[in-house]
């Protein structure tokens, strides 16, 4: 395992040192924490699990199931918090660009098209938590939010785990692609948010 990137090597060692049932529990809790305590590196954990499953140290099917169950548990907690306390949390925070008007617009946006975005939520590192959280605030029906997000989690988790499982010989290249994706997407989203904020400021100045 000397050719494994350092961060991945650490997680592989943790999983192998515990072994057995603990591998699947660690996978499940990692995916849970990824939603509840972002930016916890859940993808690294399931990639590591897929890697060790490739050499027979774990069952790839149970790894897949554990990852999905952990994701579902995490997104359920985030949705419920958003549904029950989201509006109060956003209203109390001293963030200048978050106000009642923005919250109302977000709710309307989710009512029209936002729920569909949950199908791609797992593919958007950096905002996975926010999309589920705001779906709760927007009162997207729980069954709908859970189904769409669970499908997204199933597809993404399967891609990451099976990629590590089948491509162990190219582990450096595969891990580098995954790491680059995790960096580029948040940067693109940050750029979009900055442009959006600039437009809001420009409109406010015109209104003065």
N, C-alpha and C. Protein backbone atom coordinates (compact mmCIF):
# COMPACT_ATOMS: atom_id res chain seq x y z
N UNK A 1 0.82 -1.21 0.00
CA UNK A 1 0.00 0.00 0.00
C UNK A 1 0.86 1.27 0.00
N UNK A 2 2.12 1.14 -0.29
CA UNK A 2 2.99 2.30 -0.24
C UNK A 2 2.71 3.31 -1.35
N UNK A 3 2.03 2.85 -2.40
CA UNK A 3 1.75 3.76 -3.51
C UNK A 3 0.44 4.51 -3.34
N UNK A 4 -0.22 4.35 -2.19
CA UNK A 4 -1.49 5.02 -1.93
C UNK A 4 -1.22 6.43 -1.41
N UNK A 5 -1.99 7.43 -1.85
CA UNK A 5 -1.84 8.79 -1.32
C UNK A 5 -1.96 8.79 0.19
N UNK A 6 -1.20 9.65 0.89
CA UNK A 6 -1.15 9.66 2.36
C UNK A 6 -2.52 9.71 3.03
N UNK A 7 -3.41 10.62 2.56
CA UNK A 7 -4.72 10.74 3.19
C UNK A 7 -5.51 9.45 3.07
N UNK A 8 -5.44 8.85 1.90
CA UNK A 8 -6.15 7.59 1.68
C UNK A 8 -5.53 6.46 2.49
N UNK A 9 -4.22 6.47 2.58
CA UNK A 9 -3.50 5.44 3.34
C UNK A 9 -3.95 5.44 4.79
N UNK A 10 -4.16 6.63 5.34
CA UNK A 10 -4.59 6.75 6.74
C UNK A 10 -5.94 6.08 6.96
N UNK A 11 -6.89 6.35 6.05
CA UNK A 11 -8.22 5.76 6.19
C UNK A 11 -8.20 4.26 5.96
N UNK A 12 -7.39 3.79 5.02
CA UNK A 12 -7.28 2.36 4.77
C UNK A 12 -6.74 1.65 6.01
N UNK A 13 -5.75 2.24 6.64
CA UNK A 13 -5.18 1.65 7.85
C UNK A 13 -6.20 1.59 8.99
N UNK A 14 -6.99 2.68 9.11
CA UNK A 14 -8.02 2.70 10.15
C UNK A 14 -9.03 1.58 9.93
N UNK A 15 -9.49 1.44 8.69
CA UNK A 15 -10.48 0.41 8.38
C UNK A 15 -9.92 -0.99 8.60
N UNK A 16 -8.69 -1.22 8.13
CA UNK A 16 -8.09 -2.54 8.26
C UNK A 16 -7.76 -2.88 9.71
N UNK A 17 -7.38 -1.85 10.49
CA UNK A 17 -7.02 -2.10 11.89
C UNK A 17 -8.23 -2.53 12.71
N UNK A 18 -9.40 -2.05 12.31
CA UNK A 18 -10.62 -2.45 13.02
C UNK A 18 -11.18 -3.74 12.44
N UNK A 19 -11.33 -3.77 11.12
CA UNK A 19 -11.78 -4.97 10.44
C UNK A 19 -13.21 -5.37 10.76
N UNK A 20 -13.67 -6.41 10.08
CA UNK A 20 -14.99 -6.98 10.33
C UNK A 20 -16.12 -5.98 10.25
N UNK A 21 -17.05 -6.10 11.20
CA UNK A 21 -18.24 -5.26 11.23
C UNK A 21 -17.89 -3.78 11.35
N UNK A 22 -16.76 -3.48 12.01
CA UNK A 22 -16.38 -2.08 12.21
C UNK A 22 -16.16 -1.35 10.89
N UNK A 23 -15.73 -2.04 9.87
CA UNK A 23 -15.52 -1.41 8.57
C UNK A 23 -16.82 -0.80 8.07
N UNK A 24 -17.89 -1.56 8.17
CA UNK A 24 -19.18 -1.11 7.67
C UNK A 24 -19.78 -0.02 8.57
N UNK A 25 -19.54 -0.13 9.86
CA UNK A 25 -20.02 0.91 10.78
C UNK A 25 -19.29 2.23 10.53
N UNK A 26 -17.99 2.15 10.31
CA UNK A 26 -17.20 3.36 10.03
C UNK A 26 -17.67 4.00 8.74
N UNK A 27 -17.95 3.18 7.73
CA UNK A 27 -18.45 3.69 6.45
C UNK A 27 -19.78 4.41 6.66
N UNK A 28 -20.69 3.77 7.38
CA UNK A 28 -22.02 4.36 7.62
C UNK A 28 -21.91 5.67 8.39
N UNK A 29 -21.12 5.68 9.46
CA UNK A 29 -20.98 6.89 10.26
C UNK A 29 -20.27 8.00 9.49
N UNK A 30 -19.34 7.63 8.61
CA UNK A 30 -18.64 8.63 7.81
C UNK A 30 -19.61 9.35 6.88
N UNK A 31 -20.51 8.60 6.26
CA UNK A 31 -21.48 9.22 5.36
C UNK A 31 -22.51 10.03 6.14
N UNK A 32 -22.81 9.59 7.36
CA UNK A 32 -23.71 10.35 8.23
C UNK A 32 -23.08 11.68 8.60
N UNK A 33 -21.83 11.65 9.05
CA UNK A 33 -21.13 12.86 9.47
C UNK A 33 -20.90 13.82 8.30
N UNK A 34 -20.78 13.27 7.09
CA UNK A 34 -20.56 14.12 5.93
C UNK A 34 -21.71 15.11 5.75
N UNK A 35 -22.92 14.67 6.07
CA UNK A 35 -24.09 15.55 5.97
C UNK A 35 -24.25 16.43 7.22
N UNK A 36 -24.08 15.83 8.38
CA UNK A 36 -24.36 16.53 9.63
C UNK A 36 -23.23 17.49 10.03
N UNK A 37 -21.98 17.12 9.72
CA UNK A 37 -20.84 17.96 10.08
C UNK A 37 -19.94 18.20 8.86
N UNK A 38 -20.44 18.90 7.84
CA UNK A 38 -19.59 19.20 6.68
C UNK A 38 -18.46 20.13 7.11
N UNK A 39 -17.27 20.07 6.49
CA UNK A 39 -16.94 19.25 5.32
C UNK A 39 -16.22 17.95 5.68
N UNK A 40 -16.83 17.08 6.48
CA UNK A 40 -16.24 15.79 6.82
C UNK A 40 -15.97 15.01 5.52
N UNK A 41 -14.76 14.44 5.36
CA UNK A 41 -14.39 13.77 4.09
C UNK A 41 -14.99 12.39 3.92
N UNK A 42 -16.29 12.33 3.78
CA UNK A 42 -16.96 11.03 3.64
C UNK A 42 -16.55 10.29 2.38
N UNK A 43 -16.31 11.03 1.29
CA UNK A 43 -15.93 10.37 0.04
C UNK A 43 -14.61 9.62 0.18
N UNK A 44 -13.69 10.18 0.95
CA UNK A 44 -12.41 9.51 1.16
C UNK A 44 -12.61 8.19 1.91
N UNK A 45 -13.53 8.21 2.87
CA UNK A 45 -13.81 7.01 3.66
C UNK A 45 -14.38 5.89 2.80
N UNK A 46 -15.37 6.22 1.95
CA UNK A 46 -15.97 5.16 1.14
C UNK A 46 -15.03 4.74 0.00
N UNK A 47 -14.18 5.66 -0.45
CA UNK A 47 -13.18 5.29 -1.46
C UNK A 47 -12.21 4.29 -0.85
N UNK A 48 -11.81 4.53 0.39
CA UNK A 48 -10.91 3.62 1.09
C UNK A 48 -11.57 2.26 1.29
N UNK A 49 -12.85 2.28 1.64
CA UNK A 49 -13.58 1.03 1.85
C UNK A 49 -13.69 0.24 0.53
N UNK A 50 -13.93 0.96 -0.56
CA UNK A 50 -13.98 0.30 -1.86
C UNK A 50 -12.65 -0.32 -2.22
N UNK A 51 -11.57 0.36 -1.82
CA UNK A 51 -10.24 -0.14 -2.11
C UNK A 51 -9.96 -1.45 -1.38
N UNK A 52 -10.26 -1.47 -0.08
CA UNK A 52 -9.96 -2.70 0.66
C UNK A 52 -10.94 -3.82 0.30
N UNK A 53 -12.14 -3.44 -0.17
CA UNK A 53 -13.09 -4.47 -0.64
C UNK A 53 -12.54 -5.13 -1.90
N UNK A 54 -11.76 -4.38 -2.66
CA UNK A 54 -11.20 -4.92 -3.89
C UNK A 54 -10.23 -6.05 -3.67
N UNK A 55 -9.59 -6.10 -2.50
CA UNK A 55 -8.66 -7.20 -2.24
C UNK A 55 -9.25 -8.25 -1.30
N UNK A 56 -10.58 -8.16 -1.10
CA UNK A 56 -11.26 -9.19 -0.33
C UNK A 56 -11.33 -8.95 1.16
N UNK A 57 -10.87 -7.77 1.62
CA UNK A 57 -10.89 -7.50 3.07
C UNK A 57 -12.27 -7.07 3.56
N UNK A 58 -13.18 -6.81 2.64
CA UNK A 58 -14.55 -6.42 2.99
C UNK A 58 -15.46 -6.78 1.84
N UNK A 59 -16.76 -6.84 2.11
CA UNK A 59 -17.75 -7.13 1.07
C UNK A 59 -18.16 -5.82 0.41
N UNK A 60 -17.98 -5.71 -0.89
CA UNK A 60 -18.31 -4.48 -1.59
C UNK A 60 -19.81 -4.20 -1.52
N UNK A 61 -20.62 -5.24 -1.52
CA UNK A 61 -22.07 -5.05 -1.45
C UNK A 61 -22.48 -4.46 -0.10
N UNK A 62 -21.89 -4.97 0.99
CA UNK A 62 -22.22 -4.44 2.31
C UNK A 62 -21.67 -3.03 2.47
N UNK A 63 -20.54 -2.74 1.87
CA UNK A 63 -19.98 -1.38 1.89
C UNK A 63 -20.96 -0.42 1.21
N UNK A 64 -21.50 -0.84 0.06
CA UNK A 64 -22.47 -0.01 -0.67
C UNK A 64 -23.72 0.24 0.18
N UNK A 65 -24.23 -0.81 0.80
CA UNK A 65 -25.44 -0.69 1.63
C UNK A 65 -25.17 0.21 2.84
N UNK A 66 -24.02 0.01 3.48
CA UNK A 66 -23.66 0.81 4.66
C UNK A 66 -23.55 2.29 4.31
N UNK A 67 -22.93 2.57 3.16
CA UNK A 67 -22.78 3.97 2.72
C UNK A 67 -24.13 4.61 2.47
N UNK A 68 -25.03 3.87 1.83
CA UNK A 68 -26.36 4.41 1.53
C UNK A 68 -27.15 4.66 2.81
N UNK A 69 -27.11 3.71 3.74
CA UNK A 69 -27.85 3.87 5.00
C UNK A 69 -27.31 5.05 5.80
N UNK A 70 -25.99 5.21 5.81
CA UNK A 70 -25.39 6.34 6.51
C UNK A 70 -25.79 7.67 5.90
N UNK A 71 -25.80 7.72 4.56
CA UNK A 71 -26.20 8.94 3.87
C UNK A 71 -27.65 9.28 4.16
N UNK A 72 -28.52 8.28 4.12
CA UNK A 72 -29.94 8.50 4.37
C UNK A 72 -30.16 9.01 5.79
N UNK A 73 -29.46 8.43 6.76
CA UNK A 73 -29.59 8.88 8.15
C UNK A 73 -29.15 10.34 8.28
N UNK A 74 -28.02 10.68 7.65
CA UNK A 74 -27.51 12.04 7.74
C UNK A 74 -28.41 13.07 7.08
N UNK A 75 -28.87 12.77 5.87
CA UNK A 75 -29.71 13.74 5.17
C UNK A 75 -31.08 13.89 5.86
N UNK A 76 -31.54 12.82 6.53
CA UNK A 76 -32.80 12.89 7.27
C UNK A 76 -32.68 13.88 8.42
N UNK A 77 -31.57 13.80 9.16
CA UNK A 77 -31.34 14.72 10.27
C UNK A 77 -31.28 16.16 9.78
N UNK A 78 -30.53 16.39 8.70
CA UNK A 78 -30.38 17.75 8.16
C UNK A 78 -31.72 18.29 7.67
N UNK A 79 -32.50 17.44 7.00
CA UNK A 79 -33.81 17.86 6.51
C UNK A 79 -34.73 18.26 7.67
N UNK A 80 -34.78 17.41 8.70
CA UNK A 80 -35.66 17.67 9.84
C UNK A 80 -35.25 18.96 10.56
N UNK A 81 -33.95 19.17 10.73
CA UNK A 81 -33.48 20.41 11.36
C UNK A 81 -33.88 21.61 10.51
N UNK A 82 -33.71 21.49 9.20
CA UNK A 82 -34.09 22.58 8.31
C UNK A 82 -35.58 22.85 8.35
N UNK A 83 -36.36 21.79 8.40
CA UNK A 83 -37.83 21.92 8.40
C UNK A 83 -38.32 22.57 9.70
N UNK A 84 -37.77 22.15 10.84
CA UNK A 84 -38.27 22.63 12.13
C UNK A 84 -37.60 23.92 12.61
N UNK A 85 -36.29 24.05 12.33
CA UNK A 85 -35.56 25.17 12.92
C UNK A 85 -34.82 26.04 11.90
N UNK A 86 -34.86 25.66 10.62
CA UNK A 86 -34.09 26.37 9.61
C UNK A 86 -34.39 27.85 9.52
N UNK A 87 -35.67 28.18 9.48
CA UNK A 87 -36.06 29.59 9.34
C UNK A 87 -35.56 30.41 10.53
N UNK A 88 -35.69 29.84 11.73
CA UNK A 88 -35.24 30.55 12.94
C UNK A 88 -33.73 30.72 12.93
N UNK A 89 -33.02 29.67 12.49
CA UNK A 89 -31.56 29.73 12.45
C UNK A 89 -31.09 30.83 11.50
N UNK A 90 -31.67 30.88 10.31
CA UNK A 90 -31.26 31.88 9.33
C UNK A 90 -31.66 33.28 9.76
N UNK A 91 -32.80 33.40 10.41
CA UNK A 91 -33.28 34.71 10.83
C UNK A 91 -32.41 35.31 11.93
N UNK A 92 -31.87 34.47 12.79
CA UNK A 92 -31.09 34.95 13.94
C UNK A 92 -29.64 35.24 13.57
N UNK A 93 -29.13 34.60 12.55
CA UNK A 93 -27.72 34.79 12.20
C UNK A 93 -27.50 36.17 11.60
N UNK A 94 -26.38 36.78 11.96
CA UNK A 94 -26.06 38.13 11.48
C UNK A 94 -25.28 38.07 10.17
N UNK A 95 -25.95 37.59 9.15
CA UNK A 95 -25.35 37.54 7.82
C UNK A 95 -26.11 38.52 6.94
N UNK A 96 -25.41 39.52 6.44
CA UNK A 96 -26.09 40.66 5.82
C UNK A 96 -26.93 40.32 4.61
N UNK A 97 -26.54 39.30 3.85
CA UNK A 97 -27.30 39.01 2.63
C UNK A 97 -28.41 37.99 2.83
N UNK A 98 -28.57 37.47 4.08
CA UNK A 98 -29.66 36.55 4.37
C UNK A 98 -30.76 37.32 5.09
N UNK A 99 -31.91 37.46 4.45
CA UNK A 99 -33.04 38.15 5.05
C UNK A 99 -34.32 37.40 4.70
N UNK A 100 -35.45 37.91 5.19
CA UNK A 100 -36.71 37.22 4.97
C UNK A 100 -37.06 37.12 3.49
N UNK A 101 -36.70 38.15 2.73
CA UNK A 101 -36.97 38.14 1.30
C UNK A 101 -36.24 37.00 0.60
N UNK A 102 -34.97 36.81 0.99
CA UNK A 102 -34.17 35.75 0.39
C UNK A 102 -34.73 34.38 0.76
N UNK A 103 -35.13 34.23 2.03
CA UNK A 103 -35.70 32.95 2.48
C UNK A 103 -36.97 32.63 1.70
N UNK A 104 -37.82 33.64 1.51
CA UNK A 104 -39.06 33.45 0.76
C UNK A 104 -38.78 33.06 -0.69
N UNK A 105 -37.79 33.72 -1.30
CA UNK A 105 -37.43 33.40 -2.69
C UNK A 105 -36.91 31.97 -2.79
N UNK A 106 -36.12 31.56 -1.77
CA UNK A 106 -35.58 30.21 -1.77
C UNK A 106 -36.70 29.18 -1.67
N UNK A 107 -37.67 29.46 -0.82
CA UNK A 107 -38.83 28.57 -0.69
C UNK A 107 -39.57 28.45 -2.01
N UNK A 108 -39.82 29.59 -2.67
CA UNK A 108 -40.54 29.59 -3.95
C UNK A 108 -39.74 28.83 -5.01
N UNK A 109 -38.41 29.04 -5.00
CA UNK A 109 -37.56 28.38 -5.99
C UNK A 109 -37.61 26.87 -5.81
N UNK A 110 -37.55 26.41 -4.55
CA UNK A 110 -37.61 24.99 -4.30
C UNK A 110 -38.98 24.42 -4.67
N UNK A 111 -40.02 25.21 -4.46
CA UNK A 111 -41.37 24.75 -4.81
C UNK A 111 -41.48 24.52 -6.31
N UNK A 112 -40.87 25.40 -7.12
CA UNK A 112 -40.96 25.28 -8.58
C UNK A 112 -39.99 24.27 -9.15
N UNK A 113 -38.69 24.43 -8.87
CA UNK A 113 -37.70 23.57 -9.51
C UNK A 113 -36.66 23.01 -8.56
N UNK A 114 -36.58 23.54 -7.36
CA UNK A 114 -35.49 23.19 -6.47
C UNK A 114 -35.42 21.73 -6.09
N UNK A 115 -36.56 21.10 -5.92
CA UNK A 115 -36.56 19.70 -5.49
C UNK A 115 -35.84 18.81 -6.50
N UNK A 116 -35.95 19.15 -7.78
CA UNK A 116 -35.29 18.35 -8.81
C UNK A 116 -33.78 18.39 -8.65
N UNK A 117 -33.27 19.49 -8.11
CA UNK A 117 -31.83 19.62 -7.93
C UNK A 117 -31.30 18.60 -6.93
N UNK A 118 -32.17 18.10 -6.06
CA UNK A 118 -31.75 17.12 -5.08
C UNK A 118 -31.25 15.84 -5.75
N UNK A 119 -31.70 15.59 -6.97
CA UNK A 119 -31.21 14.43 -7.71
C UNK A 119 -29.72 14.53 -7.99
N UNK A 120 -29.19 15.76 -8.03
CA UNK A 120 -27.78 15.98 -8.32
C UNK A 120 -27.01 16.46 -7.09
N UNK A 121 -27.68 16.50 -5.94
CA UNK A 121 -27.08 17.10 -4.75
C UNK A 121 -25.79 16.41 -4.33
N UNK A 122 -25.73 15.10 -4.42
CA UNK A 122 -24.55 14.37 -3.98
C UNK A 122 -23.35 14.64 -4.89
N UNK A 123 -23.63 15.10 -6.11
CA UNK A 123 -22.56 15.38 -7.07
C UNK A 123 -22.01 16.79 -6.90
N UNK A 124 -22.49 17.51 -5.91
CA UNK A 124 -22.07 18.90 -5.69
C UNK A 124 -21.42 19.05 -4.33
N UNK A 125 -20.15 18.61 -4.19
CA UNK A 125 -19.47 18.72 -2.91
C UNK A 125 -19.39 20.17 -2.46
N UNK A 126 -19.59 20.39 -1.19
CA UNK A 126 -19.55 21.75 -0.66
C UNK A 126 -20.93 22.32 -0.41
N UNK A 127 -21.94 21.81 -1.14
CA UNK A 127 -23.30 22.33 -0.97
C UNK A 127 -24.32 21.22 -0.71
N UNK A 128 -23.85 20.00 -0.53
CA UNK A 128 -24.76 18.89 -0.27
C UNK A 128 -25.62 19.18 0.95
N UNK A 129 -24.97 19.62 2.01
CA UNK A 129 -25.68 19.95 3.25
C UNK A 129 -26.71 21.04 3.00
N UNK A 130 -26.29 22.12 2.30
CA UNK A 130 -27.17 23.27 2.09
C UNK A 130 -28.42 22.90 1.29
N UNK A 131 -28.25 22.08 0.26
CA UNK A 131 -29.40 21.72 -0.57
C UNK A 131 -30.45 20.95 0.23
N UNK A 132 -30.00 20.03 1.06
CA UNK A 132 -30.94 19.26 1.88
C UNK A 132 -31.54 20.15 2.96
N UNK A 133 -30.71 21.00 3.58
CA UNK A 133 -31.17 21.90 4.63
C UNK A 133 -32.26 22.84 4.11
N UNK A 134 -32.03 23.43 2.94
CA UNK A 134 -33.00 24.36 2.37
C UNK A 134 -34.24 23.64 1.85
N UNK A 135 -34.11 22.37 1.50
CA UNK A 135 -35.31 21.63 1.09
C UNK A 135 -36.25 21.47 2.27
N UNK A 136 -35.67 21.37 3.48
CA UNK A 136 -36.49 21.33 4.68
C UNK A 136 -37.15 22.66 4.95
N UNK A 137 -36.39 23.75 4.81
CA UNK A 137 -36.94 25.08 5.01
C UNK A 137 -38.07 25.35 4.01
N UNK A 138 -37.86 24.91 2.77
CA UNK A 138 -38.86 25.13 1.72
C UNK A 138 -40.05 24.18 1.83
N UNK A 139 -40.02 23.30 2.84
CA UNK A 139 -41.12 22.35 3.07
C UNK A 139 -41.36 21.42 1.88
N UNK A 140 -40.27 21.04 1.20
CA UNK A 140 -40.39 20.01 0.19
C UNK A 140 -40.85 18.74 0.92
N UNK A 141 -41.89 18.05 0.43
CA UNK A 141 -42.37 16.85 1.12
C UNK A 141 -41.23 15.89 1.46
N UNK A 142 -41.20 15.41 2.69
CA UNK A 142 -40.09 14.58 3.15
C UNK A 142 -39.87 13.37 2.26
N UNK A 143 -40.94 12.70 1.89
CA UNK A 143 -40.81 11.50 1.06
C UNK A 143 -40.15 11.83 -0.27
N UNK A 144 -40.51 12.96 -0.85
CA UNK A 144 -39.94 13.38 -2.13
C UNK A 144 -38.47 13.74 -1.96
N UNK A 145 -38.16 14.53 -0.92
CA UNK A 145 -36.78 14.94 -0.67
C UNK A 145 -35.90 13.73 -0.38
N UNK A 146 -36.42 12.81 0.42
CA UNK A 146 -35.67 11.61 0.78
C UNK A 146 -35.41 10.74 -0.44
N UNK A 147 -36.43 10.55 -1.26
CA UNK A 147 -36.29 9.70 -2.44
C UNK A 147 -35.28 10.27 -3.42
N UNK A 148 -35.41 11.55 -3.75
CA UNK A 148 -34.51 12.17 -4.72
C UNK A 148 -33.06 12.18 -4.22
N UNK A 149 -32.88 12.54 -2.95
CA UNK A 149 -31.53 12.61 -2.42
C UNK A 149 -30.93 11.22 -2.25
N UNK A 150 -31.74 10.27 -1.86
CA UNK A 150 -31.25 8.89 -1.70
C UNK A 150 -30.80 8.32 -3.04
N UNK A 151 -31.53 8.63 -4.11
CA UNK A 151 -31.12 8.19 -5.44
C UNK A 151 -29.78 8.79 -5.81
N UNK A 152 -29.64 10.10 -5.51
CA UNK A 152 -28.38 10.78 -5.79
C UNK A 152 -27.23 10.14 -5.01
N UNK A 153 -27.48 9.83 -3.73
CA UNK A 153 -26.46 9.20 -2.88
C UNK A 153 -26.10 7.82 -3.39
N UNK A 154 -27.11 7.05 -3.79
CA UNK A 154 -26.88 5.70 -4.29
C UNK A 154 -25.97 5.71 -5.52
N UNK A 155 -26.27 6.62 -6.45
CA UNK A 155 -25.48 6.69 -7.68
C UNK A 155 -24.05 7.14 -7.37
N UNK A 156 -23.92 8.24 -6.59
CA UNK A 156 -22.59 8.77 -6.31
C UNK A 156 -21.75 7.79 -5.48
N UNK A 157 -22.33 7.27 -4.41
CA UNK A 157 -21.59 6.34 -3.56
C UNK A 157 -21.14 5.11 -4.34
N UNK A 158 -22.03 4.60 -5.19
CA UNK A 158 -21.69 3.42 -6.00
C UNK A 158 -20.54 3.72 -6.94
N UNK A 159 -20.57 4.91 -7.55
CA UNK A 159 -19.49 5.30 -8.47
C UNK A 159 -18.15 5.33 -7.75
N UNK A 160 -18.12 5.99 -6.59
CA UNK A 160 -16.87 6.14 -5.84
C UNK A 160 -16.35 4.79 -5.35
N UNK A 161 -17.24 4.00 -4.75
CA UNK A 161 -16.83 2.71 -4.18
C UNK A 161 -16.38 1.74 -5.27
N UNK A 162 -17.17 1.63 -6.34
CA UNK A 162 -16.83 0.68 -7.41
C UNK A 162 -15.60 1.14 -8.19
N UNK A 163 -15.41 2.46 -8.26
CA UNK A 163 -14.21 2.98 -8.93
C UNK A 163 -12.97 2.50 -8.20
N UNK A 164 -12.99 2.61 -6.88
CA UNK A 164 -11.85 2.15 -6.07
C UNK A 164 -11.73 0.63 -6.12
N UNK A 165 -12.87 -0.04 -6.15
CA UNK A 165 -12.89 -1.50 -6.13
C UNK A 165 -12.25 -2.10 -7.39
N UNK A 166 -12.62 -1.55 -8.54
CA UNK A 166 -12.16 -2.13 -9.81
C UNK A 166 -10.85 -1.55 -10.34
N UNK A 167 -10.44 -0.40 -9.85
CA UNK A 167 -9.26 0.25 -10.42
C UNK A 167 -8.13 0.41 -9.41
N UNK A 168 -7.89 -0.61 -8.62
CA UNK A 168 -6.83 -0.53 -7.62
C UNK A 168 -5.46 -0.30 -8.25
N UNK A 169 -5.22 -0.86 -9.40
CA UNK A 169 -3.92 -0.72 -10.04
C UNK A 169 -3.65 0.72 -10.48
N UNK A 170 -4.72 1.47 -10.66
CA UNK A 170 -4.58 2.88 -11.06
C UNK A 170 -5.04 3.80 -9.93
N UNK A 171 -4.79 3.37 -8.70
CA UNK A 171 -5.32 4.08 -7.55
C UNK A 171 -4.87 5.54 -7.48
N UNK A 172 -3.63 5.82 -7.84
CA UNK A 172 -3.14 7.20 -7.79
C UNK A 172 -3.93 8.10 -8.74
N UNK A 173 -4.13 7.64 -9.97
CA UNK A 173 -4.84 8.44 -10.98
C UNK A 173 -6.30 8.63 -10.59
N UNK A 174 -6.95 7.57 -10.14
CA UNK A 174 -8.36 7.65 -9.76
C UNK A 174 -8.55 8.60 -8.59
N UNK A 175 -7.70 8.48 -7.58
CA UNK A 175 -7.83 9.33 -6.41
C UNK A 175 -7.56 10.79 -6.77
N UNK A 176 -6.62 11.03 -7.66
CA UNK A 176 -6.30 12.40 -8.08
C UNK A 176 -7.48 13.03 -8.80
N UNK A 177 -8.17 12.25 -9.64
CA UNK A 177 -9.36 12.76 -10.34
C UNK A 177 -10.44 13.13 -9.35
N UNK A 178 -10.68 12.25 -8.37
CA UNK A 178 -11.70 12.50 -7.36
C UNK A 178 -11.36 13.74 -6.53
N UNK A 179 -10.10 13.88 -6.14
CA UNK A 179 -9.68 15.02 -5.33
C UNK A 179 -9.82 16.32 -6.11
N UNK A 180 -9.47 16.29 -7.40
CA UNK A 180 -9.59 17.48 -8.23
C UNK A 180 -11.04 17.90 -8.37
N UNK A 181 -11.91 16.93 -8.55
CA UNK A 181 -13.35 17.21 -8.67
C UNK A 181 -13.88 17.89 -7.42
N UNK A 182 -13.43 17.40 -6.26
CA UNK A 182 -13.89 17.95 -4.98
C UNK A 182 -13.44 19.39 -4.79
N UNK A 183 -12.35 19.78 -5.45
CA UNK A 183 -11.83 21.14 -5.33
C UNK A 183 -12.46 22.07 -6.35
N UNK A 184 -12.56 21.61 -7.59
CA UNK A 184 -13.03 22.46 -8.68
C UNK A 184 -14.49 22.85 -8.53
N UNK A 185 -15.36 21.89 -8.19
CA UNK A 185 -16.79 22.17 -8.10
C UNK A 185 -17.11 23.24 -7.07
N UNK A 186 -16.57 23.16 -5.83
CA UNK A 186 -16.84 24.24 -4.87
C UNK A 186 -16.34 25.60 -5.35
N UNK A 187 -15.20 25.64 -6.07
CA UNK A 187 -14.69 26.90 -6.59
C UNK A 187 -15.64 27.50 -7.62
N UNK A 188 -16.17 26.65 -8.48
CA UNK A 188 -17.13 27.12 -9.49
C UNK A 188 -18.39 27.64 -8.81
N UNK A 189 -18.87 26.91 -7.81
CA UNK A 189 -20.06 27.35 -7.09
C UNK A 189 -19.81 28.65 -6.34
N UNK A 190 -18.61 28.80 -5.77
CA UNK A 190 -18.25 30.04 -5.07
C UNK A 190 -18.26 31.21 -6.04
N UNK A 191 -17.75 31.00 -7.24
CA UNK A 191 -17.73 32.04 -8.26
C UNK A 191 -19.16 32.46 -8.62
N UNK A 192 -20.05 31.46 -8.78
CA UNK A 192 -21.45 31.75 -9.11
C UNK A 192 -22.11 32.56 -8.00
N UNK A 193 -21.83 32.18 -6.75
CA UNK A 193 -22.41 32.90 -5.61
C UNK A 193 -21.91 34.34 -5.57
N UNK A 194 -20.62 34.54 -5.83
CA UNK A 194 -20.05 35.89 -5.83
C UNK A 194 -20.70 36.76 -6.91
N UNK A 195 -20.89 36.19 -8.09
CA UNK A 195 -21.55 36.92 -9.17
C UNK A 195 -22.96 37.29 -8.77
N UNK A 196 -23.64 36.36 -8.12
CA UNK A 196 -25.02 36.60 -7.66
C UNK A 196 -25.06 37.74 -6.65
N UNK A 197 -24.11 37.73 -5.70
CA UNK A 197 -24.06 38.79 -4.68
C UNK A 197 -23.77 40.14 -5.32
N UNK A 198 -22.86 40.15 -6.28
CA UNK A 198 -22.52 41.40 -6.98
C UNK A 198 -23.74 41.96 -7.70
N UNK A 199 -24.54 41.08 -8.30
CA UNK A 199 -25.75 41.53 -8.99
C UNK A 199 -26.75 42.13 -8.01
N UNK A 200 -26.87 41.50 -6.83
CA UNK A 200 -27.79 42.02 -5.81
C UNK A 200 -27.35 43.41 -5.36
N UNK A 201 -26.03 43.57 -5.12
CA UNK A 201 -25.51 44.87 -4.69
C UNK A 201 -25.73 45.93 -5.77
N UNK A 202 -25.55 45.52 -7.03
CA UNK A 202 -25.75 46.47 -8.14
C UNK A 202 -27.20 46.93 -8.21
N UNK A 203 -28.15 46.01 -8.01
CA UNK A 203 -29.56 46.35 -8.04
C UNK A 203 -29.91 47.28 -6.89
N UNK A 204 -29.31 47.02 -5.72
CA UNK A 204 -29.60 47.89 -4.58
C UNK A 204 -29.09 49.31 -4.80
N UNK A 205 -27.93 49.42 -5.42
CA UNK A 205 -27.39 50.75 -5.70
C UNK A 205 -28.24 51.50 -6.71
N UNK A 206 -28.77 50.75 -7.69
CA UNK A 206 -29.64 51.39 -8.67
C UNK A 206 -30.95 51.85 -8.06
N UNK A 207 -31.38 51.11 -7.05
CA UNK A 207 -32.66 51.46 -6.40
C UNK A 207 -32.54 52.68 -5.48
N UNK A 208 -31.30 52.98 -5.06
CA UNK A 208 -31.09 54.13 -4.15
C UNK A 208 -31.25 55.45 -4.91
